[in-house]
Amino acid sequence: MNPNIQQKIINVCDEKIAKKGPNVGLSFYAFFANKNDNPELLMEVAKWWILTHKLDHFEKATKIKAMVQSEIQ
């Protein structure tokens, strides 16, 4: 994934964890606005989430954050 969306995913995970605790779950839609204004980026994240990692619809934010951070390093 491109670095901009990786950072956005980390930021959104941090926000959700801060508000609702470490067990909060989210879907890949959490990283996008309610309108589909960037379908290419949405599909990039969906592919990473569904095809590459075979994740469930909802996953713990802590898990997603750790996965994305591991790909950055």
PDB file of N, CA and C in Angstrom:
ATOM      1  N   MET A   1       0.836  -1.187   0.000  1.00  0.00           N
ATOM      2  CA  MET A   1       0.000   0.000   0.000  1.00  0.00           C
ATOM      3  C   MET A   1       0.874   1.241   0.000  1.00  0.00           C
ATOM      4  N   ASN A   2       0.315   2.297  -0.513  1.00  0.00           N
ATOM      5  CA  ASN A   2       1.099   3.530  -0.563  1.00  0.00           C
ATOM      6  C   ASN A   2       1.253   4.115   0.841  1.00  0.00           C
ATOM      7  N   PRO A   3       2.337   4.839   1.057  1.00  0.00           N
ATOM      8  CA  PRO A   3       2.645   5.367   2.396  1.00  0.00           C
ATOM      9  C   PRO A   3       1.573   6.282   2.983  1.00  0.00           C
ATOM     10  N   ASN A   4       0.882   7.038   2.151  1.00  0.00           N
ATOM     11  CA  ASN A   4      -0.153   7.945   2.671  1.00  0.00           C
ATOM     12  C   ASN A   4      -1.301   7.177   3.319  1.00  0.00           C
ATOM     13  N   ILE A   5      -1.768   6.119   2.664  1.00  0.00           N
ATOM     14  CA  ILE A   5      -2.882   5.362   3.241  1.00  0.00           C
ATOM     15  C   ILE A   5      -2.390   4.542   4.434  1.00  0.00           C
ATOM     16  N   GLN A   6      -1.153   4.090   4.412  1.00  0.00           N
ATOM     17  CA  GLN A   6      -0.613   3.379   5.574  1.00  0.00           C
ATOM     18  C   GLN A   6      -0.638   4.287   6.807  1.00  0.00           C
ATOM     19  N   GLN A   7      -0.210   5.517   6.639  1.00  0.00           N
ATOM     20  CA  GLN A   7      -0.206   6.449   7.769  1.00  0.00           C
ATOM     21  C   GLN A   7      -1.621   6.774   8.218  1.00  0.00           C
ATOM     22  N   LYS A   8      -2.536   6.917   7.265  1.00  0.00           N
ATOM     23  CA  LYS A   8      -3.930   7.191   7.623  1.00  0.00           C
ATOM     24  C   LYS A   8      -4.511   6.022   8.409  1.00  0.00           C
ATOM     25  N   ILE A   9      -4.217   4.796   8.004  1.00  0.00           N
ATOM     26  CA  ILE A   9      -4.703   3.615   8.716  1.00  0.00           C
ATOM     27  C   ILE A   9      -4.189   3.622  10.150  1.00  0.00           C
ATOM     28  N   ILE A  10      -2.905   3.893  10.325  1.00  0.00           N
ATOM     29  CA  ILE A  10      -2.324   3.951  11.666  1.00  0.00           C
ATOM     30  C   ILE A  10      -3.006   5.031  12.500  1.00  0.00           C
ATOM     31  N   ASN A  11      -3.209   6.203  11.913  1.00  0.00           N
ATOM     32  CA  ASN A  11      -3.855   7.309  12.635  1.00  0.00           C
ATOM     33  C   ASN A  11      -5.280   6.967  13.046  1.00  0.00           C
ATOM     34  N   VAL A  12      -6.044   6.374  12.125  1.00  0.00           N
ATOM     35  CA  VAL A  12      -7.427   6.007  12.430  1.00  0.00           C
ATOM     36  C   VAL A  12      -7.450   4.937  13.521  1.00  0.00           C
ATOM     37  N   CYS A  13      -6.559   3.969  13.437  1.00  0.00           N
ATOM     38  CA  CYS A  13      -6.487   2.935  14.475  1.00  0.00           C
ATOM     39  C   CYS A  13      -6.178   3.572  15.825  1.00  0.00           C
ATOM     40  N   ASP A  14      -5.213   4.480  15.854  1.00  0.00           N
ATOM     41  CA  ASP A  14      -4.866   5.164  17.103  1.00  0.00           C
ATOM     42  C   ASP A  14      -6.068   5.908  17.684  1.00  0.00           C
ATOM     43  N   GLU A  15      -6.820   6.610  16.826  1.00  0.00           N
ATOM     44  CA  GLU A  15      -7.994   7.356  17.275  1.00  0.00           C
ATOM     45  C   GLU A  15      -9.058   6.423  17.849  1.00  0.00           C
ATOM     46  N   LYS A  16      -9.326   5.336  17.148  1.00  0.00           N
ATOM     47  CA  LYS A  16     -10.347   4.389  17.602  1.00  0.00           C
ATOM     48  C   LYS A  16      -9.942   3.734  18.917  1.00  0.00           C
ATOM     49  N   ILE A  17      -8.667   3.353  19.035  1.00  0.00           N
ATOM     50  CA  ILE A  17      -8.172   2.729  20.257  1.00  0.00           C
ATOM     51  C   ILE A  17      -8.260   3.707  21.420  1.00  0.00           C
ATOM     52  N   ALA A  18      -7.897   4.958  21.171  1.00  0.00           N
ATOM     53  CA  ALA A  18      -7.952   5.977  22.235  1.00  0.00           C
ATOM     54  C   ALA A  18      -9.385   6.208  22.714  1.00  0.00           C
ATOM     55  N   LYS A  19     -10.341   6.165  21.798  1.00  0.00           N
ATOM     56  CA  LYS A  19     -11.740   6.434  22.150  1.00  0.00           C
ATOM     57  C   LYS A  19     -12.448   5.231  22.757  1.00  0.00           C
ATOM     58  N   LYS A  20     -12.151   4.031  22.244  1.00  0.00           N
ATOM     59  CA  LYS A  20     -12.958   2.862  22.623  1.00  0.00           C
ATOM     60  C   LYS A  20     -12.156   1.727  23.249  1.00  0.00           C
ATOM     61  N   GLY A  21     -10.855   1.889  23.367  1.00  0.00           N
ATOM     62  CA  GLY A  21     -10.046   0.864  24.012  1.00  0.00           C
ATOM     63  C   GLY A  21      -9.409  -0.112  23.028  1.00  0.00           C
ATOM     64  N   PRO A  22      -8.527  -0.969  23.548  1.00  0.00           N
ATOM     65  CA  PRO A  22      -7.728  -1.861  22.692  1.00  0.00           C
ATOM     66  C   PRO A  22      -8.506  -2.987  22.017  1.00  0.00           C
ATOM     67  N   ASN A  23      -9.738  -3.224  22.432  1.00  0.00           N
ATOM     68  CA  ASN A  23     -10.523  -4.297  21.818  1.00  0.00           C
ATOM     69  C   ASN A  23     -11.440  -3.809  20.710  1.00  0.00           C
ATOM     70  N   VAL A  24     -11.345  -2.540  20.358  1.00  0.00           N
ATOM     71  CA  VAL A  24     -12.226  -1.986  19.331  1.00  0.00           C
ATOM     72  C   VAL A  24     -11.940  -2.644  17.980  1.00  0.00           C
ATOM     73  N   GLY A  25     -13.022  -2.948  17.276  1.00  0.00           N
ATOM     74  CA  GLY A  25     -12.901  -3.518  15.942  1.00  0.00           C
ATOM     75  C   GLY A  25     -13.250  -2.489  14.894  1.00  0.00           C
ATOM     76  N   LEU A  26     -12.746  -2.719  13.693  1.00  0.00           N
ATOM     77  CA  LEU A  26     -13.080  -1.841  12.578  1.00  0.00           C
ATOM     78  C   LEU A  26     -12.970  -2.603  11.271  1.00  0.00           C
ATOM     79  N   SER A  27     -13.581  -2.037  10.244  1.00  0.00           N
ATOM     80  CA  SER A  27     -13.476  -2.611   8.906  1.00  0.00           C
ATOM     81  C   SER A  27     -12.639  -1.667   8.058  1.00  0.00           C
ATOM     82  N   PHE A  28     -12.288  -2.095   6.867  1.00  0.00           N
ATOM     83  CA  PHE A  28     -11.469  -1.230   6.018  1.00  0.00           C
ATOM     84  C   PHE A  28     -12.213   0.021   5.577  1.00  0.00           C
ATOM     85  N   TYR A  29     -13.524   0.026   5.714  1.00  0.00           N
ATOM     86  CA  TYR A  29     -14.294   1.223   5.390  1.00  0.00           C
ATOM     87  C   TYR A  29     -14.022   2.364   6.362  1.00  0.00           C
ATOM     88  N   ALA A  30     -13.482   2.060   7.527  1.00  0.00           N
ATOM     89  CA  ALA A  30     -13.210   3.081   8.547  1.00  0.00           C
ATOM     90  C   ALA A  30     -12.194   4.111   8.068  1.00  0.00           C
ATOM     91  N   PHE A  31     -11.452   3.794   7.032  1.00  0.00           N
ATOM     92  CA  PHE A  31     -10.393   4.685   6.552  1.00  0.00           C
ATOM     93  C   PHE A  31     -10.855   5.608   5.435  1.00  0.00           C
ATOM     94  N   PHE A  32     -12.149   5.560   5.132  1.00  0.00           N
ATOM     95  CA  PHE A  32     -12.681   6.331   4.014  1.00  0.00           C
ATOM     96  C   PHE A  32     -13.928   7.097   4.427  1.00  0.00           C
ATOM     97  N   ALA A  33     -14.211   8.163   3.690  1.00  0.00           N
ATOM     98  CA  ALA A  33     -15.437   8.939   3.900  1.00  0.00           C
ATOM     99  C   ALA A  33     -16.631   8.108   3.445  1.00  0.00           C
ATOM    100  N   ASN A  34     -17.824   8.531   3.817  1.00  0.00           N
ATOM    101  CA  ASN A  34     -19.022   7.795   3.435  1.00  0.00           C
ATOM    102  C   ASN A  34     -19.277   7.784   1.935  1.00  0.00           C
ATOM    103  N   LYS A  35     -18.659   8.697   1.215  1.00  0.00           N
ATOM    104  CA  LYS A  35     -18.837   8.675  -0.233  1.00  0.00           C
ATOM    105  C   LYS A  35     -17.580   8.099  -0.877  1.00  0.00           C
ATOM    106  N   ASN A  36     -17.768   7.451  -1.971  1.00  0.00           N
ATOM    107  CA  ASN A  36     -16.684   6.761  -2.652  1.00  0.00           C
ATOM    108  C   ASN A  36     -15.971   7.736  -3.591  1.00  0.00           C
ATOM    109  N   ASP A  37     -15.120   8.601  -3.000  1.00  0.00           N
ATOM    110  CA  ASP A  37     -14.466   9.627  -3.803  1.00  0.00           C
ATOM    111  C   ASP A  37     -13.084   9.208  -4.308  1.00  0.00           C
ATOM    112  N   ASN A  38     -12.620   8.023  -3.899  1.00  0.00           N
ATOM    113  CA  ASN A  38     -11.342   7.523  -4.387  1.00  0.00           C
ATOM    114  C   ASN A  38     -11.435   6.006  -4.539  1.00  0.00           C
ATOM    115  N   PRO A  39     -12.132   5.530  -5.568  1.00  0.00           N
ATOM    116  CA  PRO A  39     -12.366   4.092  -5.707  1.00  0.00           C
ATOM    117  C   PRO A  39     -11.086   3.277  -5.880  1.00  0.00           C
ATOM    118  N   GLU A  40     -10.070   3.837  -6.508  1.00  0.00           N
ATOM    119  CA  GLU A  40      -8.814   3.106  -6.695  1.00  0.00           C
ATOM    120  C   GLU A  40      -8.148   2.815  -5.351  1.00  0.00           C
ATOM    121  N   LEU A  41      -8.125   3.819  -4.477  1.00  0.00           N
ATOM    122  CA  LEU A  41      -7.519   3.635  -3.166  1.00  0.00           C
ATOM    123  C   LEU A  41      -8.352   2.683  -2.310  1.00  0.00           C
ATOM    124  N   LEU A  42      -9.669   2.811  -2.392  1.00  0.00           N
ATOM    125  CA  LEU A  42     -10.546   1.899  -1.672  1.00  0.00           C
ATOM    126  C   LEU A  42     -10.276   0.455  -2.099  1.00  0.00           C
ATOM    127  N   MET A  43     -10.136   0.229  -3.391  1.00  0.00           N
ATOM    128  CA  MET A  43      -9.871  -1.121  -3.887  1.00  0.00           C
ATOM    129  C   MET A  43      -8.485  -1.612  -3.472  1.00  0.00           C
ATOM    130  N   GLU A  44      -7.522  -0.713  -3.409  1.00  0.00           N
ATOM    131  CA  GLU A  44      -6.181  -1.089  -2.961  1.00  0.00           C
ATOM    132  C   GLU A  44      -6.226  -1.606  -1.522  1.00  0.00           C
ATOM    133  N   VAL A  45      -6.931  -0.892  -0.666  1.00  0.00           N
ATOM    134  CA  VAL A  45      -7.042  -1.309   0.737  1.00  0.00           C
ATOM    135  C   VAL A  45      -7.894  -2.564   0.844  1.00  0.00           C
ATOM    136  N   ALA A  46      -8.973  -2.652   0.076  1.00  0.00           N
ATOM    137  CA  ALA A  46      -9.825  -3.846   0.100  1.00  0.00           C
ATOM    138  C   ALA A  46      -9.031  -5.077  -0.331  1.00  0.00           C
ATOM    139  N   LYS A  47      -8.219  -4.938  -1.349  1.00  0.00           N
ATOM    140  CA  LYS A  47      -7.395  -6.060  -1.820  1.00  0.00           C
ATOM    141  C   LYS A  47      -6.426  -6.494  -0.717  1.00  0.00           C
ATOM    142  N   TRP A  48      -5.774  -5.521  -0.073  1.00  0.00           N
ATOM    143  CA  TRP A  48      -4.845  -5.819   1.019  1.00  0.00           C
ATOM    144  C   TRP A  48      -5.572  -6.550   2.135  1.00  0.00           C
ATOM    145  N   TRP A  49      -6.769  -6.077   2.488  1.00  0.00           N
ATOM    146  CA  TRP A  49      -7.539  -6.600   3.604  1.00  0.00           C
ATOM    147  C   TRP A  49      -8.128  -7.977   3.285  1.00  0.00           C
ATOM    148  N   ILE A  50      -8.776  -8.089   2.129  1.00  0.00           N
ATOM    149  CA  ILE A  50      -9.553  -9.289   1.809  1.00  0.00           C
ATOM    150  C   ILE A  50      -8.730 -10.350   1.088  1.00  0.00           C
ATOM    151  N   LEU A  51      -8.064  -9.973   0.022  1.00  0.00           N
ATOM    152  CA  LEU A  51      -7.355 -10.966  -0.781  1.00  0.00           C
ATOM    153  C   LEU A  51      -5.985 -11.323  -0.231  1.00  0.00           C
ATOM    154  N   THR A  52      -5.212 -10.309   0.147  1.00  0.00           N
ATOM    155  CA  THR A  52      -3.848 -10.574   0.604  1.00  0.00           C
ATOM    156  C   THR A  52      -3.822 -11.224   1.976  1.00  0.00           C
ATOM    157  N   HIS A  53      -4.586 -10.658   2.925  1.00  0.00           N
ATOM    158  CA  HIS A  53      -4.503 -11.126   4.307  1.00  0.00           C
ATOM    159  C   HIS A  53      -5.701 -11.959   4.757  1.00  0.00           C
ATOM    160  N   LYS A  54      -6.743 -12.036   3.910  1.00  0.00           N
ATOM    161  CA  LYS A  54      -7.930 -12.847   4.209  1.00  0.00           C
ATOM    162  C   LYS A  54      -8.518 -12.539   5.593  1.00  0.00           C
ATOM    163  N   LEU A  55      -8.626 -11.250   5.870  1.00  0.00           N
ATOM    164  CA  LEU A  55      -9.151 -10.794   7.154  1.00  0.00           C
ATOM    165  C   LEU A  55     -10.673 -10.833   7.162  1.00  0.00           C
ATOM    166  N   ASP A  56     -11.241 -10.953   8.359  1.00  0.00           N
ATOM    167  CA  ASP A  56     -12.691 -10.869   8.518  1.00  0.00           C
ATOM    168  C   ASP A  56     -13.136  -9.428   8.266  1.00  0.00           C
ATOM    169  N   HIS A  57     -14.449  -9.249   8.163  1.00  0.00           N
ATOM    170  CA  HIS A  57     -14.959  -7.892   7.908  1.00  0.00           C
ATOM    171  C   HIS A  57     -14.525  -6.936   9.014  1.00  0.00           C
ATOM    172  N   PHE A  58     -14.649  -7.363  10.276  1.00  0.00           N
ATOM    173  CA  PHE A  58     -14.197  -6.547  11.403  1.00  0.00           C
ATOM    174  C   PHE A  58     -12.987  -7.218  12.044  1.00  0.00           C
ATOM    175  N   GLU A  59     -11.963  -6.413  12.285  1.00  0.00           N
ATOM    176  CA  GLU A  59     -10.751  -6.875  12.954  1.00  0.00           C
ATOM    177  C   GLU A  59     -10.382  -5.863  14.028  1.00  0.00           C
ATOM    178  N   LYS A  60      -9.623  -6.294  14.999  1.00  0.00           N
ATOM    179  CA  LYS A  60      -9.179  -5.378  16.058  1.00  0.00           C
ATOM    180  C   LYS A  60      -8.247  -4.324  15.473  1.00  0.00           C
ATOM    181  N   ALA A  61      -8.458  -3.096  15.897  1.00  0.00           N
ATOM    182  CA  ALA A  61      -7.629  -1.988  15.418  1.00  0.00           C
ATOM    183  C   ALA A  61      -6.159  -2.216  15.769  1.00  0.00           C
ATOM    184  N   THR A  62      -5.905  -2.821  16.932  1.00  0.00           N
ATOM    185  CA  THR A  62      -4.513  -3.074  17.330  1.00  0.00           C
ATOM    186  C   THR A  62      -3.839  -4.030  16.361  1.00  0.00           C
ATOM    187  N   LYS A  63      -4.571  -5.018  15.881  1.00  0.00           N
ATOM    188  CA  LYS A  63      -4.031  -5.987  14.920  1.00  0.00           C
ATOM    189  C   LYS A  63      -3.713  -5.316  13.586  1.00  0.00           C
ATOM    190  N   ILE A  64      -4.650  -4.517  13.094  1.00  0.00           N
ATOM    191  CA  ILE A  64      -4.455  -3.845  11.809  1.00  0.00           C
ATOM    192  C   ILE A  64      -3.280  -2.877  11.895  1.00  0.00           C
ATOM    193  N   LYS A  65      -3.209  -2.119  12.966  1.00  0.00           N
ATOM    194  CA  LYS A  65      -2.105  -1.172  13.141  1.00  0.00           C
ATOM    195  C   LYS A  65      -0.764  -1.906  13.124  1.00  0.00           C
ATOM    196  N   ALA A  66      -0.669  -2.999  13.852  1.00  0.00           N
ATOM    197  CA  ALA A  66       0.582  -3.770  13.904  1.00  0.00           C
ATOM    198  C   ALA A  66       0.942  -4.336  12.533  1.00  0.00           C
ATOM    199  N   MET A  67      -0.046  -4.801  11.796  1.00  0.00           N
ATOM    200  CA  MET A  67       0.208  -5.348  10.455  1.00  0.00           C
ATOM    201  C   MET A  67       0.758  -4.273   9.531  1.00  0.00           C
ATOM    202  N   VAL A  68       0.127  -3.105   9.550  1.00  0.00           N
ATOM    203  CA  VAL A  68       0.568  -2.015   8.662  1.00  0.00           C
ATOM    204  C   VAL A  68       1.963  -1.542   9.072  1.00  0.00           C
ATOM    205  N   GLN A  69       2.191  -1.401  10.370  1.00  0.00           N
ATOM    206  CA  GLN A  69       3.523  -0.964  10.820  1.00  0.00           C
ATOM    207  C   GLN A  69       4.605  -1.952  10.439  1.00  0.00           C
ATOM    208  N   SER A  70       4.298  -3.240  10.452  1.00  0.00           N
ATOM    209  CA  SER A  70       5.293  -4.239  10.080  1.00  0.00           C
ATOM    210  C   SER A  70       5.668  -4.153   8.605  1.00  0.00           C
ATOM    211  N   GLU A  71       4.742  -3.670   7.787  1.00  0.00           N
ATOM    212  CA  GLU A  71       5.021  -3.523   6.362  1.00  0.00           C
ATOM    213  C   GLU A  71       5.818  -2.273   6.059  1.00  0.00           C
ATOM    214  N   ILE A  72       5.760  -1.290   6.961  1.00  0.00           N
ATOM    215  CA  ILE A  72       6.506  -0.041   6.761  1.00  0.00           C
ATOM    216  C   ILE A  72       7.975  -0.273   7.032  1.00  0.00           C
ATOM    217  N   GLN A  73       8.280  -1.063   8.035  1.00  0.00           N
ATOM    218  CA  GLN A  73       9.657  -1.259   8.467  1.00  0.00           C
ATOM    219  C   GLN A  73      10.332  -2.271   7.650  1.00  0.00           C
TER     220      GLN A  73
END
